[in-house]
């Protein structure tokens, strides 16, 4: 097997064994019993959750079958662009967007909205052409994950806990 690509999000660009092109996958270049692809099982917060069970790569694997994709997450628009050639939706500089993908690996941009005391993330996104993804800059957003079985405690504003 030739040099393997790094672990991450990919779109299958051409069939890999019995797996058809046009699928979103997470690729692991290590593991037991070997390198493989993992398919999304569901989406939470517009991010794919991948199956813990993958499909190992065939012995004669062409790395060009995997097309790398930018990471899911939050981005800032750095240059204006339209979603596609039809110019249905325009994205303007400094807009805050979330990048996600559908099961076919097609990029979707979600436009979060400030409402009351929280930023709401919509469940529907706008499909965008791959070429426009160069107009996005990744943002570092702190992420809090609730512990399983533990209720989330929210305190009223102004109360300081040390």
N, C-alpha and C. Protein backbone atom coordinates (compact mmCIF):
# COMPACT_ATOMS: atom_id res chain seq x y z
N UNK A 1 0.85 -1.17 0.00
CA UNK A 1 0.00 0.00 0.00
C UNK A 1 0.89 1.23 0.00
N UNK A 2 0.54 2.23 -0.82
CA UNK A 2 1.34 3.44 -0.90
C UNK A 2 1.17 4.28 0.37
N UNK A 3 1.90 5.38 0.43
CA UNK A 3 1.82 6.29 1.58
C UNK A 3 0.37 6.71 1.80
N UNK A 4 -0.09 6.59 3.04
CA UNK A 4 -1.48 6.89 3.35
C UNK A 4 -1.67 8.36 3.70
N UNK A 5 -2.83 8.92 3.38
CA UNK A 5 -3.10 10.31 3.75
C UNK A 5 -3.32 10.42 5.26
N UNK A 6 -3.32 11.64 5.80
CA UNK A 6 -3.56 11.80 7.24
C UNK A 6 -5.01 11.48 7.60
N UNK A 7 -5.24 11.18 8.86
CA UNK A 7 -6.59 10.96 9.35
C UNK A 7 -7.40 12.23 9.17
N UNK A 8 -8.67 12.09 8.83
CA UNK A 8 -9.53 13.26 8.69
C UNK A 8 -10.73 13.00 7.82
N UNK A 9 -11.43 14.10 7.49
CA UNK A 9 -12.64 14.05 6.66
C UNK A 9 -12.27 13.97 5.19
N UNK A 10 -13.00 13.12 4.48
CA UNK A 10 -12.77 12.95 3.05
C UNK A 10 -14.09 12.68 2.34
N UNK A 11 -14.07 12.93 1.05
CA UNK A 11 -15.14 12.51 0.16
C UNK A 11 -14.53 11.43 -0.72
N UNK A 12 -15.25 10.34 -0.91
CA UNK A 12 -14.75 9.29 -1.80
C UNK A 12 -14.95 9.78 -3.23
N UNK A 13 -13.84 9.99 -3.93
CA UNK A 13 -13.86 10.56 -5.28
C UNK A 13 -14.02 9.50 -6.36
N UNK A 14 -13.55 8.31 -6.08
CA UNK A 14 -13.75 7.18 -7.01
C UNK A 14 -13.87 5.93 -6.16
N UNK A 15 -14.57 4.91 -6.67
CA UNK A 15 -14.86 3.73 -5.85
C UNK A 15 -13.62 3.14 -5.18
N UNK A 16 -13.85 2.69 -3.97
CA UNK A 16 -12.82 1.97 -3.20
C UNK A 16 -13.40 0.59 -2.95
N UNK A 17 -12.94 -0.38 -3.71
CA UNK A 17 -13.51 -1.73 -3.60
C UNK A 17 -14.99 -1.66 -3.92
N UNK A 18 -15.83 -2.08 -2.98
CA UNK A 18 -17.29 -2.09 -3.15
C UNK A 18 -17.93 -0.76 -2.75
N UNK A 19 -17.16 0.18 -2.22
CA UNK A 19 -17.70 1.45 -1.76
C UNK A 19 -17.77 2.42 -2.94
N UNK A 20 -18.97 2.94 -3.23
CA UNK A 20 -19.12 3.83 -4.39
C UNK A 20 -18.56 5.23 -4.10
N UNK A 21 -18.29 5.97 -5.15
CA UNK A 21 -17.86 7.37 -5.04
C UNK A 21 -19.02 8.20 -4.49
N UNK A 22 -18.67 9.40 -3.99
CA UNK A 22 -19.69 10.32 -3.53
C UNK A 22 -20.19 10.04 -2.13
N UNK A 23 -19.32 9.64 -1.23
CA UNK A 23 -19.69 9.38 0.17
C UNK A 23 -18.78 10.18 1.09
N UNK A 24 -19.35 10.74 2.14
CA UNK A 24 -18.57 11.39 3.19
C UNK A 24 -18.04 10.30 4.10
N UNK A 25 -16.74 10.37 4.42
CA UNK A 25 -16.13 9.38 5.32
C UNK A 25 -15.11 10.06 6.22
N UNK A 26 -14.85 9.40 7.34
CA UNK A 26 -13.70 9.77 8.16
C UNK A 26 -12.69 8.67 7.90
N UNK A 27 -11.47 9.05 7.55
CA UNK A 27 -10.43 8.08 7.24
C UNK A 27 -9.46 8.00 8.41
N UNK A 28 -9.18 6.78 8.86
CA UNK A 28 -8.14 6.53 9.87
C UNK A 28 -7.02 5.78 9.17
N UNK A 29 -5.79 6.30 9.27
CA UNK A 29 -4.68 5.63 8.59
C UNK A 29 -3.97 4.62 9.49
N UNK A 30 -4.56 4.34 10.63
CA UNK A 30 -4.00 3.37 11.57
C UNK A 30 -5.16 2.62 12.21
N UNK A 31 -4.88 1.71 13.01
CA UNK A 31 -5.94 1.01 13.72
C UNK A 31 -5.88 -0.48 13.52
N UNK A 32 -6.78 -1.15 14.18
CA UNK A 32 -6.82 -2.60 14.14
C UNK A 32 -8.12 -3.01 13.48
N UNK A 33 -8.16 -3.69 12.39
CA UNK A 33 -7.07 -4.45 11.81
C UNK A 33 -6.23 -3.68 10.79
N UNK A 34 -6.52 -2.40 10.51
CA UNK A 34 -5.72 -1.64 9.56
C UNK A 34 -6.42 -0.36 9.17
N UNK A 35 -5.82 0.40 8.23
CA UNK A 35 -6.41 1.65 7.77
C UNK A 35 -7.81 1.43 7.19
N UNK A 36 -8.71 2.40 7.41
CA UNK A 36 -10.06 2.24 6.89
C UNK A 36 -10.86 3.51 6.87
N UNK A 37 -12.08 3.39 6.35
CA UNK A 37 -13.01 4.51 6.27
C UNK A 37 -14.20 4.22 7.18
N UNK A 38 -14.72 5.30 7.77
CA UNK A 38 -15.83 5.22 8.70
C UNK A 38 -16.94 6.13 8.18
N UNK A 39 -18.16 5.64 8.17
CA UNK A 39 -19.29 6.37 7.61
C UNK A 39 -20.07 7.10 8.70
N UNK A 40 -20.69 8.24 8.35
CA UNK A 40 -21.50 8.94 9.34
C UNK A 40 -22.75 8.14 9.69
N UNK A 41 -23.10 8.15 10.97
CA UNK A 41 -24.32 7.48 11.44
C UNK A 41 -25.45 8.47 11.66
N UNK A 42 -25.08 9.69 12.09
CA UNK A 42 -26.06 10.73 12.39
C UNK A 42 -25.34 12.06 12.46
N UNK A 43 -26.12 13.13 12.57
CA UNK A 43 -25.55 14.47 12.69
C UNK A 43 -26.07 15.10 13.98
N UNK A 44 -25.18 15.70 14.72
CA UNK A 44 -25.55 16.43 15.94
C UNK A 44 -24.93 17.81 15.83
N UNK A 45 -25.76 18.85 15.93
CA UNK A 45 -25.25 20.21 15.79
C UNK A 45 -24.60 20.44 14.44
N UNK A 46 -25.13 19.80 13.41
CA UNK A 46 -24.62 19.91 12.03
C UNK A 46 -23.24 19.29 11.84
N UNK A 47 -22.83 18.45 12.76
CA UNK A 47 -21.55 17.75 12.63
C UNK A 47 -21.79 16.25 12.56
N UNK A 48 -21.12 15.62 11.65
CA UNK A 48 -21.27 14.18 11.46
C UNK A 48 -20.70 13.42 12.65
N UNK A 49 -21.44 12.41 13.07
CA UNK A 49 -20.99 11.48 14.10
C UNK A 49 -20.73 10.16 13.38
N UNK A 50 -19.50 9.69 13.42
CA UNK A 50 -19.10 8.54 12.62
C UNK A 50 -19.21 7.24 13.39
N UNK A 51 -19.51 6.18 12.64
CA UNK A 51 -19.64 4.85 13.21
C UNK A 51 -18.31 4.41 13.81
N UNK A 52 -18.36 3.70 14.93
CA UNK A 52 -17.11 3.16 15.48
C UNK A 52 -16.58 1.97 14.67
N UNK A 53 -17.43 1.41 13.81
CA UNK A 53 -17.04 0.28 12.96
C UNK A 53 -16.74 0.79 11.56
N UNK A 54 -15.51 0.57 11.12
CA UNK A 54 -15.11 1.03 9.80
C UNK A 54 -14.96 -0.11 8.81
N UNK A 55 -14.58 0.27 7.60
CA UNK A 55 -14.31 -0.68 6.53
C UNK A 55 -12.84 -0.54 6.17
N UNK A 56 -12.09 -1.63 6.29
CA UNK A 56 -10.67 -1.56 5.97
C UNK A 56 -10.48 -1.40 4.46
N UNK A 57 -9.36 -0.79 4.11
CA UNK A 57 -9.05 -0.53 2.71
C UNK A 57 -8.56 -1.80 2.02
N UNK A 58 -8.85 -1.93 0.72
CA UNK A 58 -8.32 -3.07 -0.01
C UNK A 58 -6.79 -2.96 -0.13
N UNK A 59 -6.15 -4.06 -0.40
CA UNK A 59 -4.69 -4.09 -0.50
C UNK A 59 -4.17 -3.13 -1.57
N UNK A 60 -4.82 -3.08 -2.71
CA UNK A 60 -4.41 -2.17 -3.79
C UNK A 60 -5.28 -0.92 -3.71
N UNK A 61 -4.89 0.00 -2.86
CA UNK A 61 -5.66 1.22 -2.61
C UNK A 61 -4.98 2.42 -3.26
N UNK A 62 -5.74 3.16 -4.06
CA UNK A 62 -5.25 4.38 -4.70
C UNK A 62 -5.64 5.57 -3.81
N UNK A 63 -4.67 6.26 -3.25
CA UNK A 63 -4.97 7.36 -2.33
C UNK A 63 -5.75 8.49 -3.00
N UNK A 64 -5.72 8.58 -4.33
CA UNK A 64 -6.48 9.61 -5.04
C UNK A 64 -7.99 9.37 -4.95
N UNK A 65 -8.37 8.20 -4.44
CA UNK A 65 -9.80 7.90 -4.25
C UNK A 65 -10.38 8.72 -3.10
N UNK A 66 -9.52 9.25 -2.24
CA UNK A 66 -9.97 10.07 -1.11
C UNK A 66 -9.66 11.54 -1.38
N UNK A 67 -10.69 12.36 -1.42
CA UNK A 67 -10.54 13.80 -1.63
C UNK A 67 -10.66 14.50 -0.27
N UNK A 68 -9.59 15.15 0.21
CA UNK A 68 -9.64 15.77 1.54
C UNK A 68 -10.64 16.92 1.59
N UNK A 69 -11.28 17.06 2.75
CA UNK A 69 -12.26 18.13 2.97
C UNK A 69 -11.83 18.97 4.17
N UNK A 70 -12.13 20.28 4.14
CA UNK A 70 -11.85 21.10 5.33
C UNK A 70 -12.66 20.59 6.52
N UNK A 71 -12.14 20.78 7.70
CA UNK A 71 -12.79 20.32 8.92
C UNK A 71 -14.14 20.99 9.13
N UNK A 72 -15.07 20.24 9.70
CA UNK A 72 -16.34 20.82 10.11
C UNK A 72 -16.05 21.81 11.24
N UNK A 73 -16.88 22.82 11.36
CA UNK A 73 -16.71 23.77 12.45
C UNK A 73 -17.09 25.18 12.06
N UNK A 74 -16.63 26.11 12.86
CA UNK A 74 -16.99 27.52 12.67
C UNK A 74 -15.89 28.26 11.92
N UNK A 75 -16.34 29.15 11.04
CA UNK A 75 -15.45 29.89 10.16
C UNK A 75 -15.91 31.33 10.05
N UNK A 76 -15.01 32.16 9.56
CA UNK A 76 -15.30 33.56 9.22
C UNK A 76 -15.12 33.69 7.73
N UNK A 77 -16.05 34.39 7.08
CA UNK A 77 -15.94 34.65 5.65
C UNK A 77 -14.88 35.74 5.47
N UNK A 78 -13.86 35.47 4.64
CA UNK A 78 -12.77 36.45 4.44
C UNK A 78 -12.87 37.19 3.11
N UNK A 79 -13.66 36.68 2.19
CA UNK A 79 -13.87 37.34 0.88
C UNK A 79 -15.29 37.01 0.44
N UNK A 80 -15.96 37.95 -0.22
CA UNK A 80 -17.34 37.70 -0.63
C UNK A 80 -17.44 36.59 -1.68
N UNK A 81 -18.53 35.84 -1.60
CA UNK A 81 -18.77 34.80 -2.60
C UNK A 81 -20.25 34.42 -2.60
N UNK A 82 -20.64 33.75 -3.65
CA UNK A 82 -21.99 33.20 -3.76
C UNK A 82 -21.90 31.69 -3.59
N UNK A 83 -23.00 31.11 -3.22
CA UNK A 83 -23.03 29.67 -2.97
C UNK A 83 -22.67 28.85 -4.20
N UNK A 84 -23.13 29.34 -5.37
CA UNK A 84 -22.96 28.57 -6.59
C UNK A 84 -23.08 29.49 -7.80
N UNK A 85 -23.02 28.93 -8.97
CA UNK A 85 -23.11 29.72 -10.21
C UNK A 85 -24.46 30.43 -10.34
N UNK A 86 -25.51 29.90 -9.74
CA UNK A 86 -26.84 30.53 -9.80
C UNK A 86 -26.91 31.78 -8.91
N UNK A 87 -25.95 31.95 -8.01
CA UNK A 87 -25.87 33.10 -7.09
C UNK A 87 -27.13 33.24 -6.22
N UNK A 88 -27.58 32.11 -5.69
CA UNK A 88 -28.78 32.09 -4.85
C UNK A 88 -28.55 32.82 -3.52
N UNK A 89 -27.40 32.58 -2.90
CA UNK A 89 -27.09 33.16 -1.59
C UNK A 89 -25.70 33.78 -1.65
N UNK A 90 -25.59 35.01 -1.12
CA UNK A 90 -24.28 35.66 -1.04
C UNK A 90 -23.79 35.63 0.40
N UNK A 91 -22.51 35.33 0.56
CA UNK A 91 -21.85 35.36 1.87
C UNK A 91 -20.88 36.53 1.85
N UNK A 92 -20.98 37.39 2.84
CA UNK A 92 -20.20 38.63 2.87
C UNK A 92 -19.06 38.54 3.88
N UNK A 93 -18.01 39.35 3.69
CA UNK A 93 -16.86 39.31 4.60
C UNK A 93 -17.26 39.52 6.06
N UNK A 94 -16.57 38.81 6.92
CA UNK A 94 -16.73 38.81 8.37
C UNK A 94 -17.98 38.11 8.86
N UNK A 95 -18.74 37.48 7.97
CA UNK A 95 -19.90 36.70 8.41
C UNK A 95 -19.40 35.48 9.17
N UNK A 96 -20.15 35.10 10.18
CA UNK A 96 -19.88 33.94 11.02
C UNK A 96 -20.69 32.78 10.45
N UNK A 97 -20.03 31.69 10.07
CA UNK A 97 -20.72 30.54 9.47
C UNK A 97 -20.22 29.24 10.09
N UNK A 98 -21.05 28.23 9.95
CA UNK A 98 -20.65 26.88 10.36
C UNK A 98 -20.57 26.03 9.11
N UNK A 99 -19.46 25.31 8.96
CA UNK A 99 -19.27 24.41 7.83
C UNK A 99 -19.62 22.99 8.25
N UNK A 100 -20.46 22.36 7.47
CA UNK A 100 -20.81 20.96 7.68
C UNK A 100 -20.92 20.28 6.32
N UNK A 101 -21.30 19.01 6.32
CA UNK A 101 -21.41 18.24 5.08
C UNK A 101 -22.64 17.35 5.12
N UNK A 102 -23.14 17.03 3.95
CA UNK A 102 -24.20 16.02 3.88
C UNK A 102 -23.55 14.65 3.67
N UNK A 103 -24.34 13.61 3.57
CA UNK A 103 -23.81 12.25 3.44
C UNK A 103 -23.01 12.00 2.18
N UNK A 104 -23.21 12.86 1.17
CA UNK A 104 -22.45 12.74 -0.09
C UNK A 104 -21.16 13.55 -0.05
N UNK A 105 -20.89 14.21 1.09
CA UNK A 105 -19.68 15.02 1.20
C UNK A 105 -19.82 16.38 0.57
N UNK A 106 -21.04 16.83 0.30
CA UNK A 106 -21.29 18.17 -0.24
C UNK A 106 -21.25 19.16 0.91
N UNK A 107 -20.46 20.24 0.75
CA UNK A 107 -20.32 21.26 1.79
C UNK A 107 -21.62 22.02 1.97
N UNK A 108 -21.95 22.29 3.23
CA UNK A 108 -23.12 23.08 3.60
C UNK A 108 -22.65 24.19 4.53
N UNK A 109 -23.14 25.40 4.32
CA UNK A 109 -22.86 26.51 5.23
C UNK A 109 -24.13 26.87 5.98
N UNK A 110 -24.00 26.94 7.29
CA UNK A 110 -25.09 27.30 8.17
C UNK A 110 -24.78 28.71 8.70
N UNK A 111 -25.79 29.56 8.78
CA UNK A 111 -25.60 30.94 9.25
C UNK A 111 -26.19 31.10 10.64
N UNK A 112 -25.34 31.02 11.69
CA UNK A 112 -25.83 31.18 13.06
C UNK A 112 -26.46 32.55 13.26
N UNK A 113 -27.42 32.63 14.19
CA UNK A 113 -28.11 33.88 14.47
C UNK A 113 -28.12 34.14 15.96
N UNK A 114 -27.92 35.40 16.33
CA UNK A 114 -27.99 35.81 17.73
C UNK A 114 -29.44 36.08 18.06
N UNK A 115 -29.94 35.40 19.07
CA UNK A 115 -31.33 35.58 19.49
C UNK A 115 -31.41 35.57 21.00
N UNK A 116 -31.76 36.70 21.58
CA UNK A 116 -31.83 36.77 23.04
C UNK A 116 -30.46 36.63 23.65
N UNK A 117 -30.27 35.58 24.42
CA UNK A 117 -29.00 35.40 25.13
C UNK A 117 -28.13 34.28 24.56
N UNK A 118 -28.45 33.83 23.34
CA UNK A 118 -27.69 32.71 22.79
C UNK A 118 -27.56 32.82 21.27
N UNK A 119 -26.58 32.12 20.76
CA UNK A 119 -26.41 32.01 19.31
C UNK A 119 -27.10 30.71 18.90
N UNK A 120 -28.05 30.83 18.00
CA UNK A 120 -28.80 29.67 17.51
C UNK A 120 -28.16 29.17 16.22
N UNK A 121 -28.02 27.87 16.14
CA UNK A 121 -27.46 27.24 14.94
C UNK A 121 -28.62 26.61 14.18
N UNK A 122 -28.87 27.05 12.95
CA UNK A 122 -29.99 26.48 12.19
C UNK A 122 -29.72 25.03 11.79
N UNK A 123 -30.81 24.30 11.55
CA UNK A 123 -30.68 22.90 11.14
C UNK A 123 -30.54 22.75 9.63
N UNK A 124 -30.85 23.81 8.89
CA UNK A 124 -30.74 23.75 7.42
C UNK A 124 -29.62 24.68 6.97
N UNK A 125 -28.81 24.15 6.06
CA UNK A 125 -27.70 24.93 5.53
C UNK A 125 -27.84 25.16 4.04
N UNK A 126 -26.95 25.96 3.53
CA UNK A 126 -26.92 26.26 2.10
C UNK A 126 -25.81 25.44 1.44
N UNK A 127 -26.15 24.61 0.45
CA UNK A 127 -25.09 23.88 -0.27
C UNK A 127 -24.19 24.89 -1.00
N UNK A 128 -22.88 24.68 -0.91
CA UNK A 128 -21.93 25.57 -1.58
C UNK A 128 -20.94 24.74 -2.40
N UNK A 129 -20.44 25.37 -3.46
CA UNK A 129 -19.43 24.73 -4.31
C UNK A 129 -18.11 24.62 -3.55
N UNK A 130 -17.35 23.58 -3.81
CA UNK A 130 -16.06 23.37 -3.15
C UNK A 130 -15.11 24.55 -3.36
N UNK A 131 -15.15 25.18 -4.52
CA UNK A 131 -14.21 26.26 -4.85
C UNK A 131 -14.33 27.44 -3.90
N UNK A 132 -15.50 27.67 -3.30
CA UNK A 132 -15.68 28.84 -2.43
C UNK A 132 -15.12 28.62 -1.03
N UNK A 133 -14.78 27.40 -0.68
CA UNK A 133 -14.29 27.12 0.67
C UNK A 133 -12.97 27.82 0.99
N UNK A 134 -12.25 28.24 -0.04
CA UNK A 134 -11.00 28.99 0.18
C UNK A 134 -11.29 30.39 0.73
N UNK A 135 -12.55 30.81 0.70
CA UNK A 135 -12.94 32.12 1.22
C UNK A 135 -13.31 32.08 2.70
N UNK A 136 -12.98 30.99 3.36
CA UNK A 136 -13.30 30.82 4.78
C UNK A 136 -12.02 30.70 5.60
N UNK A 137 -12.04 31.29 6.80
CA UNK A 137 -10.92 31.15 7.74
C UNK A 137 -11.46 30.49 9.00
N UNK A 138 -10.81 29.41 9.43
CA UNK A 138 -11.25 28.64 10.60
C UNK A 138 -11.17 29.49 11.86
N UNK A 139 -12.18 29.38 12.69
CA UNK A 139 -12.21 30.07 13.98
C UNK A 139 -12.00 29.06 15.10
N UNK A 140 -11.37 29.51 16.15
CA UNK A 140 -11.19 28.67 17.32
C UNK A 140 -12.31 29.02 18.30
N UNK A 141 -13.21 28.08 18.53
CA UNK A 141 -14.35 28.30 19.41
C UNK A 141 -14.26 27.29 20.55
N UNK A 142 -14.29 27.80 21.79
CA UNK A 142 -14.26 26.92 22.96
C UNK A 142 -15.47 26.01 22.92
N UNK A 143 -15.26 24.75 23.25
CA UNK A 143 -16.34 23.78 23.20
C UNK A 143 -16.50 23.12 24.56
N UNK A 144 -17.73 23.06 25.00
CA UNK A 144 -18.04 22.44 26.28
C UNK A 144 -18.87 21.20 25.99
N UNK A 145 -18.47 20.11 26.55
CA UNK A 145 -19.23 18.86 26.36
C UNK A 145 -19.78 18.43 27.71
N UNK A 146 -21.07 18.18 27.72
CA UNK A 146 -21.71 17.72 28.95
C UNK A 146 -21.25 16.30 29.25
N UNK A 147 -21.08 16.02 30.53
CA UNK A 147 -20.71 14.68 30.93
C UNK A 147 -21.96 13.81 30.93
N UNK A 148 -21.87 12.59 30.41
CA UNK A 148 -23.04 11.72 30.37
C UNK A 148 -23.60 11.49 31.78
N UNK A 149 -24.91 11.63 31.91
CA UNK A 149 -25.56 11.38 33.19
C UNK A 149 -25.51 12.53 34.17
N UNK A 150 -24.80 13.61 33.84
CA UNK A 150 -24.71 14.76 34.73
C UNK A 150 -25.55 15.90 34.15
N UNK A 151 -26.45 16.46 34.95
CA UNK A 151 -27.22 17.59 34.43
C UNK A 151 -26.34 18.82 34.25
N UNK A 152 -26.68 19.63 33.27
CA UNK A 152 -25.93 20.86 33.03
C UNK A 152 -26.46 21.92 34.00
N UNK A 153 -25.57 22.54 34.75
CA UNK A 153 -25.96 23.54 35.73
C UNK A 153 -25.75 24.92 35.13
N UNK A 154 -26.81 25.73 35.12
CA UNK A 154 -26.74 27.09 34.61
C UNK A 154 -27.05 28.04 35.76
N UNK A 155 -26.19 29.02 35.95
CA UNK A 155 -26.39 30.00 37.01
C UNK A 155 -26.87 31.31 36.43
N UNK A 156 -27.69 32.05 37.19
CA UNK A 156 -28.11 33.36 36.70
C UNK A 156 -26.92 34.28 36.48
N UNK A 157 -27.06 35.19 35.53
CA UNK A 157 -25.99 36.14 35.21
C UNK A 157 -25.66 36.97 36.44
N UNK A 158 -24.38 37.20 36.66
CA UNK A 158 -23.95 38.03 37.78
C UNK A 158 -23.47 37.22 38.97
N UNK A 159 -23.77 35.96 39.04
CA UNK A 159 -23.30 35.15 40.15
C UNK A 159 -21.93 34.58 39.77
N UNK A 160 -20.96 34.83 40.61
CA UNK A 160 -19.59 34.36 40.35
C UNK A 160 -19.31 33.19 41.26
N UNK A 161 -18.86 32.10 40.69
CA UNK A 161 -18.52 30.90 41.44
C UNK A 161 -17.03 30.67 41.29
N UNK A 162 -16.35 30.50 42.40
CA UNK A 162 -14.91 30.23 42.35
C UNK A 162 -14.62 28.81 42.70
